[in-house]
Amino acid sequence: MPGEPRELELKYRIDSEADYLSIVDGCPAAPGREDSCLRNYYFDTQSYLLARSRGMLRLREGKTTVLCFKKGGEKEGTPGFFDVIEVEAEVRKELVEEALAQPDVLFREPHPATRSVLKHYGQIELVSIGYLDTRRRYRQYDGNLLECDEVTYPDGSRAFEVEVETRHPENARDALLRIFDELSIAAFPQRHSKLQGLLRKDGILP
């Protein structure tokens, strides 16, 4: 909706752990950005109303706890470039345990993310729909901040991707393609979010 902040991000999928580690080892660490381990809990309706309309409500635990609402996806005609509403802010850490026991407690929090959910979907009944873990390593290349993510799903399988927040996707794409070429890495535009990947594994989304 008008006035809501947006996240503009170019994403590439890397299918090989060795190729992923080549980027991690081959690019300098980003100053002031520590690697982080994040647990992501997702909430939706029982019929997956949010996910089926490219929406997402997430509690993320790391050094801080953040509640986030996103809506949107890959921009047509620009492979791997995601243009989404992103509304997020920190919450108290106790909210994770409370929300996992009673998800609708999220609507009792005075929070911009839940206000956005209500704007887009009205009053809905939330359930917990799963979680995944992300290890994020920050690297830099050619003026771009690379978020190098190692995703671990509940079944132990993993996925790897590199993301760059940018308003100029083709410039960022050129830089990524150069580093992929220099390091002989096979990478492909990412076509879905981490949550969509989880739900595809579970057979919930096509």
C-alpha atoms as a PDB file:
ATOM      1  CA  MET A   1       0.000   0.000   0.000  1.00  0.00           C
ATOM      2  CA  PRO A   2       1.133   3.641  -0.485  1.00  0.00           C
ATOM      3  CA  GLY A   3       3.558   4.800   2.149  1.00  0.00           C
ATOM      4  CA  GLU A   4       4.794   1.351   3.138  1.00  0.00           C
ATOM      5  CA  PRO A   5       8.565   0.806   2.878  1.00  0.00           C
ATOM      6  CA  ARG A   6       9.848  -1.490   0.152  1.00  0.00           C
ATOM      7  CA  GLU A   7      12.759  -3.887  -0.144  1.00  0.00           C
ATOM      8  CA  LEU A   8      14.441  -4.053  -3.560  1.00  0.00           C
ATOM      9  CA  GLU A   9      16.770  -7.022  -3.788  1.00  0.00           C
ATOM     10  CA  LEU A  10      18.536  -9.052  -6.468  1.00  0.00           C
ATOM     11  CA  LYS A  11      18.883 -12.741  -5.558  1.00  0.00           C
ATOM     12  CA  TYR A  12      20.930 -15.559  -7.060  1.00  0.00           C
ATOM     13  CA  ARG A  13      20.687 -19.244  -6.198  1.00  0.00           C
ATOM     14  CA  ILE A  14      23.867 -21.284  -5.789  1.00  0.00           C
ATOM     15  CA  ASP A  15      23.329 -25.039  -5.897  1.00  0.00           C
ATOM     16  CA  SER A  16      26.781 -26.130  -4.700  1.00  0.00           C
ATOM     17  CA  GLU A  17      28.113 -25.606  -1.184  1.00  0.00           C
ATOM     18  CA  ALA A  18      31.632 -25.474  -2.651  1.00  0.00           C
ATOM     19  CA  ASP A  19      30.604 -22.617  -4.968  1.00  0.00           C
ATOM     20  CA  TYR A  20      28.895 -20.810  -2.092  1.00  0.00           C
ATOM     21  CA  LEU A  21      32.033 -21.070   0.031  1.00  0.00           C
ATOM     22  CA  SER A  22      34.095 -19.808  -2.900  1.00  0.00           C
ATOM     23  CA  ILE A  23      32.213 -16.513  -2.670  1.00  0.00           C
ATOM     24  CA  VAL A  24      32.466 -16.422   1.122  1.00  0.00           C
ATOM     25  CA  ASP A  25      36.213 -17.070   0.987  1.00  0.00           C
ATOM     26  CA  GLY A  26      36.873 -15.092  -2.184  1.00  0.00           C
ATOM     27  CA  CYS A  27      35.322 -11.763  -1.190  1.00  0.00           C
ATOM     28  CA  PRO A  28      36.425  -9.529   1.691  1.00  0.00           C
ATOM     29  CA  ALA A  29      34.235  -9.263   4.779  1.00  0.00           C
ATOM     30  CA  ALA A  30      32.040  -6.172   4.913  1.00  0.00           C
ATOM     31  CA  PRO A  31      33.329  -3.743   7.564  1.00  0.00           C
ATOM     32  CA  GLY A  32      31.038  -3.406  10.547  1.00  0.00           C
ATOM     33  CA  ARG A  33      28.889  -6.370   9.528  1.00  0.00           C
ATOM     34  CA  GLU A  34      29.221  -9.467  11.672  1.00  0.00           C
ATOM     35  CA  ASP A  35      28.097 -12.853  10.402  1.00  0.00           C
ATOM     36  CA  SER A  36      24.805 -13.848  11.993  1.00  0.00           C
ATOM     37  CA  CYS A  37      22.741 -16.943  12.759  1.00  0.00           C
ATOM     38  CA  LEU A  38      19.005 -16.380  12.427  1.00  0.00           C
ATOM     39  CA  ARG A  39      15.998 -18.531  13.200  1.00  0.00           C
ATOM     40  CA  ASN A  40      12.913 -17.612  11.204  1.00  0.00           C
ATOM     41  CA  TYR A  41       9.400 -18.520  12.392  1.00  0.00           C
ATOM     42  CA  TYR A  42       6.530 -18.040   9.936  1.00  0.00           C
ATOM     43  CA  PHE A  43       2.837 -17.412  10.567  1.00  0.00           C
ATOM     44  CA  ASP A  44      -0.120 -17.581   8.208  1.00  0.00           C
ATOM     45  CA  THR A  45      -3.710 -18.762   8.137  1.00  0.00           C
ATOM     46  CA  GLN A  46      -4.474 -22.474   8.034  1.00  0.00           C
ATOM     47  CA  SER A  47      -5.206 -22.131   4.315  1.00  0.00           C
ATOM     48  CA  TYR A  48      -1.936 -20.221   3.680  1.00  0.00           C
ATOM     49  CA  LEU A  49      -3.741 -17.047   2.643  1.00  0.00           C
ATOM     50  CA  LEU A  50      -0.619 -14.895   2.931  1.00  0.00           C
ATOM     51  CA  ALA A  51       1.769 -17.276   1.189  1.00  0.00           C
ATOM     52  CA  ARG A  52      -0.632 -17.919  -1.698  1.00  0.00           C
ATOM     53  CA  SER A  53      -0.814 -14.143  -2.329  1.00  0.00           C
ATOM     54  CA  ARG A  54       2.951 -13.561  -1.993  1.00  0.00           C
ATOM     55  CA  GLY A  55       2.697 -12.367   1.601  1.00  0.00           C
ATOM     56  CA  MET A  56       4.678 -13.360   4.694  1.00  0.00           C
ATOM     57  CA  LEU A  57       4.626 -12.730   8.449  1.00  0.00           C
ATOM     58  CA  ARG A  58       7.857 -13.677  10.208  1.00  0.00           C
ATOM     59  CA  LEU A  59       9.453 -13.553  13.625  1.00  0.00           C
ATOM     60  CA  ARG A  60      13.231 -13.624  13.306  1.00  0.00           C
ATOM     61  CA  GLU A  61      15.505 -14.422  16.243  1.00  0.00           C
ATOM     62  CA  GLY A  62      19.137 -13.340  16.187  1.00  0.00           C
ATOM     63  CA  LYS A  63      20.921 -10.837  18.373  1.00  0.00           C
ATOM     64  CA  THR A  64      17.567  -9.067  18.400  1.00  0.00           C
ATOM     65  CA  THR A  65      14.044 -10.309  17.684  1.00  0.00           C
ATOM     66  CA  VAL A  66      12.263  -8.712  14.715  1.00  0.00           C
ATOM     67  CA  LEU A  67       8.679  -9.026  13.512  1.00  0.00           C
ATOM     68  CA  CYS A  68       8.383  -8.523   9.755  1.00  0.00           C
ATOM     69  CA  PHE A  69       5.596  -8.431   7.157  1.00  0.00           C
ATOM     70  CA  LYS A  70       6.425  -8.715   3.462  1.00  0.00           C
ATOM     71  CA  LYS A  71       4.232  -8.745   0.380  1.00  0.00           C
ATOM     72  CA  GLY A  72       5.395  -9.011  -3.198  1.00  0.00           C
ATOM     73  CA  GLY A  73       7.873 -11.048  -5.171  1.00  0.00           C
ATOM     74  CA  GLU A  74       9.996 -11.254  -8.287  1.00  0.00           C
ATOM     75  CA  LYS A  75       9.456  -8.307 -10.624  1.00  0.00           C
ATOM     76  CA  GLU A  76       8.200  -9.378 -14.025  1.00  0.00           C
ATOM     77  CA  GLY A  77      10.869  -9.151 -16.703  1.00  0.00           C
ATOM     78  CA  THR A  78      13.760  -8.819 -14.236  1.00  0.00           C
ATOM     79  CA  PRO A  79      14.850 -12.345 -13.230  1.00  0.00           C
ATOM     80  CA  GLY A  80      15.808 -12.683  -9.578  1.00  0.00           C
ATOM     81  CA  PHE A  81      14.897  -9.072  -8.692  1.00  0.00           C
ATOM     82  CA  PHE A  82      12.379  -8.866  -5.855  1.00  0.00           C
ATOM     83  CA  ASP A  83      10.295  -5.749  -5.218  1.00  0.00           C
ATOM     84  CA  VAL A  84       8.332  -6.234  -1.991  1.00  0.00           C
ATOM     85  CA  ILE A  85       6.661  -4.291   0.767  1.00  0.00           C
ATOM     86  CA  GLU A  86       8.756  -4.794   3.898  1.00  0.00           C
ATOM     87  CA  VAL A  87       7.522  -3.534   7.251  1.00  0.00           C
ATOM     88  CA  GLU A  88       9.568  -4.569  10.281  1.00  0.00           C
ATOM     89  CA  ALA A  89      10.671  -3.524  13.749  1.00  0.00           C
ATOM     90  CA  GLU A  90      12.152  -5.093  16.856  1.00  0.00           C
ATOM     91  CA  VAL A  91       9.949  -6.778  19.449  1.00  0.00           C
ATOM     92  CA  ARG A  92      10.567  -8.192  22.911  1.00  0.00           C
ATOM     93  CA  LYS A  93      12.267 -11.593  22.782  1.00  0.00           C
ATOM     94  CA  GLU A  94       9.546 -13.255  24.877  1.00  0.00           C
ATOM     95  CA  LEU A  95       7.097 -12.773  22.013  1.00  0.00           C
ATOM     96  CA  VAL A  96       8.518 -15.761  20.120  1.00  0.00           C
ATOM     97  CA  GLU A  97       7.532 -18.295  22.778  1.00  0.00           C
ATOM     98  CA  GLU A  98       4.159 -16.599  23.260  1.00  0.00           C
ATOM     99  CA  ALA A  99       3.393 -16.523  19.528  1.00  0.00           C
ATOM    100  CA  LEU A 100       4.359 -20.156  18.982  1.00  0.00           C
ATOM    101  CA  ALA A 101       1.904 -21.131  21.726  1.00  0.00           C
ATOM    102  CA  GLN A 102      -0.820 -18.698  20.661  1.00  0.00           C
ATOM    103  CA  PRO A 103      -0.135 -17.053  17.265  1.00  0.00           C
ATOM    104  CA  ASP A 104      -2.925 -14.483  17.503  1.00  0.00           C
ATOM    105  CA  VAL A 105      -0.977 -12.803  20.309  1.00  0.00           C
ATOM    106  CA  LEU A 106       0.874 -11.058  17.460  1.00  0.00           C
ATOM    107  CA  PHE A 107      -2.218  -8.967  16.753  1.00  0.00           C
ATOM    108  CA  ARG A 108      -2.238  -7.759  20.338  1.00  0.00           C
ATOM    109  CA  GLU A 109       1.176  -6.177  19.843  1.00  0.00           C
ATOM    110  CA  PRO A 110       1.157  -2.504  18.782  1.00  0.00           C
ATOM    111  CA  HIS A 111       3.424  -3.078  15.807  1.00  0.00           C
ATOM    112  CA  PRO A 112       3.721  -1.697  12.230  1.00  0.00           C
ATOM    113  CA  ALA A 113       4.021  -5.190  10.721  1.00  0.00           C
ATOM    114  CA  THR A 114       0.716  -6.403  12.136  1.00  0.00           C
ATOM    115  CA  ARG A 115      -0.939  -3.119  11.175  1.00  0.00           C
ATOM    116  CA  SER A 116       0.134  -3.807   7.594  1.00  0.00           C
ATOM    117  CA  VAL A 117      -1.235  -7.355   7.767  1.00  0.00           C
ATOM    118  CA  LEU A 118      -4.594  -5.944   8.860  1.00  0.00           C
ATOM    119  CA  LYS A 119      -4.544  -3.350   6.061  1.00  0.00           C
ATOM    120  CA  HIS A 120      -3.947  -5.968   3.390  1.00  0.00           C
ATOM    121  CA  TYR A 121      -5.896  -8.943   4.750  1.00  0.00           C
ATOM    122  CA  GLY A 122      -8.239  -7.741   7.483  1.00  0.00           C
ATOM    123  CA  GLN A 123      -8.661  -9.694  10.698  1.00  0.00           C
ATOM    124  CA  ILE A 124      -7.387 -13.233  10.144  1.00  0.00           C
ATOM    125  CA  GLU A 125      -6.672 -16.201  12.400  1.00  0.00           C
ATOM    126  CA  LEU A 126      -2.983 -17.032  12.518  1.00  0.00           C
ATOM    127  CA  VAL A 127      -1.259 -20.375  12.917  1.00  0.00           C
ATOM    128  CA  SER A 128       2.430 -21.262  13.007  1.00  0.00           C
ATOM    129  CA  ILE A 129       3.419 -22.753   9.626  1.00  0.00           C
ATOM    130  CA  GLY A 130       7.089 -23.626  10.130  1.00  0.00           C
ATOM    131  CA  TYR A 131      10.599 -22.346  10.554  1.00  0.00           C
ATOM    132  CA  LEU A 132      14.034 -22.372   8.953  1.00  0.00           C
ATOM    133  CA  ASP A 133      17.528 -21.255   9.950  1.00  0.00           C
ATOM    134  CA  THR A 134      19.749 -18.839   8.069  1.00  0.00           C
ATOM    135  CA  ARG A 135      23.458 -18.291   8.497  1.00  0.00           C
ATOM    136  CA  ARG A 136      24.217 -14.945   6.906  1.00  0.00           C
ATOM    137  CA  ARG A 137      27.725 -13.886   5.956  1.00  0.00           C
ATOM    138  CA  TYR A 138      28.310 -10.324   4.755  1.00  0.00           C
ATOM    139  CA  ARG A 139      30.842  -9.778   2.008  1.00  0.00           C
ATOM    140  CA  GLN A 140      31.644  -6.911  -0.361  1.00  0.00           C
ATOM    141  CA  TYR A 141      32.462  -6.782  -4.047  1.00  0.00           C
ATOM    142  CA  ASP A 142      32.736  -3.856  -6.448  1.00  0.00           C
ATOM    143  CA  GLY A 143      30.861  -1.503  -4.129  1.00  0.00           C
ATOM    144  CA  ASN A 144      28.056  -3.980  -3.418  1.00  0.00           C
ATOM    145  CA  LEU A 145      27.166  -5.466  -0.040  1.00  0.00           C
ATOM    146  CA  LEU A 146      26.609  -9.204  -0.556  1.00  0.00           C
ATOM    147  CA  GLU A 147      24.381 -11.128   1.841  1.00  0.00           C
ATOM    148  CA  CYS A 148      25.598 -14.711   1.487  1.00  0.00           C
ATOM    149  CA  ASP A 149      22.935 -16.957   2.997  1.00  0.00           C
ATOM    150  CA  GLU A 150      23.157 -20.604   3.984  1.00  0.00           C
ATOM    151  CA  VAL A 151      19.620 -21.843   4.650  1.00  0.00           C
ATOM    152  CA  THR A 152      18.935 -24.978   6.685  1.00  0.00           C
ATOM    153  CA  TYR A 153      15.469 -26.525   6.563  1.00  0.00           C
ATOM    154  CA  PRO A 154      13.910 -28.595   9.370  1.00  0.00           C
ATOM    155  CA  ASP A 155      14.701 -31.823   7.483  1.00  0.00           C
ATOM    156  CA  GLY A 156      18.412 -30.932   7.500  1.00  0.00           C
ATOM    157  CA  SER A 157      18.656 -30.054   3.807  1.00  0.00           C
ATOM    158  CA  ARG A 158      20.326 -26.795   2.850  1.00  0.00           C
ATOM    159  CA  ALA A 159      20.158 -24.111   0.180  1.00  0.00           C
ATOM    160  CA  PHE A 160      22.521 -21.282  -0.690  1.00  0.00           C
ATOM    161  CA  GLU A 161      21.955 -17.855  -2.165  1.00  0.00           C
ATOM    162  CA  VAL A 162      23.552 -14.436  -2.584  1.00  0.00           C
ATOM    163  CA  GLU A 163      21.467 -11.267  -2.263  1.00  0.00           C
ATOM    164  CA  VAL A 164      22.170  -7.609  -2.991  1.00  0.00           C
ATOM    165  CA  GLU A 165      19.823  -4.819  -1.932  1.00  0.00           C
ATOM    166  CA  THR A 166      19.770  -2.379  -4.841  1.00  0.00           C
ATOM    167  CA  ARG A 167      17.675   0.099  -6.783  1.00  0.00           C
ATOM    168  CA  HIS A 168      19.736  -0.677  -9.879  1.00  0.00           C
ATOM    169  CA  PRO A 169      19.363  -4.431 -10.461  1.00  0.00           C
ATOM    170  CA  GLU A 170      21.202  -4.609 -13.768  1.00  0.00           C
ATOM    171  CA  ASN A 171      24.273  -2.868 -12.344  1.00  0.00           C
ATOM    172  CA  ALA A 172      24.235  -5.292  -9.401  1.00  0.00           C
ATOM    173  CA  ARG A 173      23.663  -8.207 -11.791  1.00  0.00           C
ATOM    174  CA  ASP A 174      26.719  -7.214 -13.826  1.00  0.00           C
ATOM    175  CA  ALA A 175      28.824  -7.185 -10.656  1.00  0.00           C
ATOM    176  CA  LEU A 176      27.521 -10.579  -9.515  1.00  0.00           C
ATOM    177  CA  LEU A 177      28.065 -12.133 -12.919  1.00  0.00           C
ATOM    178  CA  ARG A 178      31.651 -10.873 -12.881  1.00  0.00           C
ATOM    179  CA  ILE A 179      32.418 -12.449  -9.504  1.00  0.00           C
ATOM    180  CA  PHE A 180      30.674 -15.669 -10.539  1.00  0.00           C
ATOM    181  CA  ASP A 181      32.813 -15.763 -13.676  1.00  0.00           C
ATOM    182  CA  GLU A 182      36.039 -14.941 -11.820  1.00  0.00           C
ATOM    183  CA  LEU A 183      35.428 -17.740  -9.312  1.00  0.00           C
ATOM    184  CA  SER A 184      33.921 -20.207 -11.861  1.00  0.00           C
ATOM    185  CA  ILE A 185      30.669 -20.378  -9.888  1.00  0.00           C
ATOM    186  CA  ALA A 186      27.399 -21.732 -11.302  1.00  0.00           C
ATOM    187  CA  ALA A 187      24.588 -19.427 -10.137  1.00  0.00           C
ATOM    188  CA  PHE A 188      21.034 -18.781 -11.306  1.00  0.00           C
ATOM    189  CA  PRO A 189      18.443 -16.060 -10.652  1.00  0.00           C
ATOM    190  CA  GLN A 190      16.430 -17.004  -7.565  1.00  0.00           C
ATOM    191  CA  ARG A 191      12.731 -17.185  -8.425  1.00  0.00           C
ATOM    192  CA  HIS A 192      11.164 -17.612  -4.987  1.00  0.00           C
ATOM    193  CA  SER A 193      11.577 -16.511  -1.367  1.00  0.00           C
ATOM    194  CA  LYS A 194      13.000 -18.643   1.433  1.00  0.00           C
ATOM    195  CA  LEU A 195       9.489 -19.253   2.777  1.00  0.00           C
ATOM    196  CA  GLN A 196       8.254 -20.277  -0.663  1.00  0.00           C
ATOM    197  CA  GLY A 197      11.190 -22.697  -0.820  1.00  0.00           C
ATOM    198  CA  LEU A 198      10.124 -24.212   2.505  1.00  0.00           C
ATOM    199  CA  LEU A 199       6.504 -24.556   1.405  1.00  0.00           C
ATOM    200  CA  ARG A 200       7.518 -26.018  -1.958  1.00  0.00           C
ATOM    201  CA  LYS A 201       9.549 -28.677  -0.131  1.00  0.00           C
ATOM    202  CA  ASP A 202       6.465 -29.512   1.921  1.00  0.00           C
ATOM    203  CA  GLY A 203       4.284 -29.725  -1.204  1.00  0.00           C
ATOM    204  CA  ILE A 204       2.134 -26.774  -0.152  1.00  0.00           C
ATOM    205  CA  LEU A 205       3.116 -24.465  -3.007  1.00  0.00           C
ATOM    206  CA  PRO A 206       3.837 -25.582  -6.584  1.00  0.00           C
END
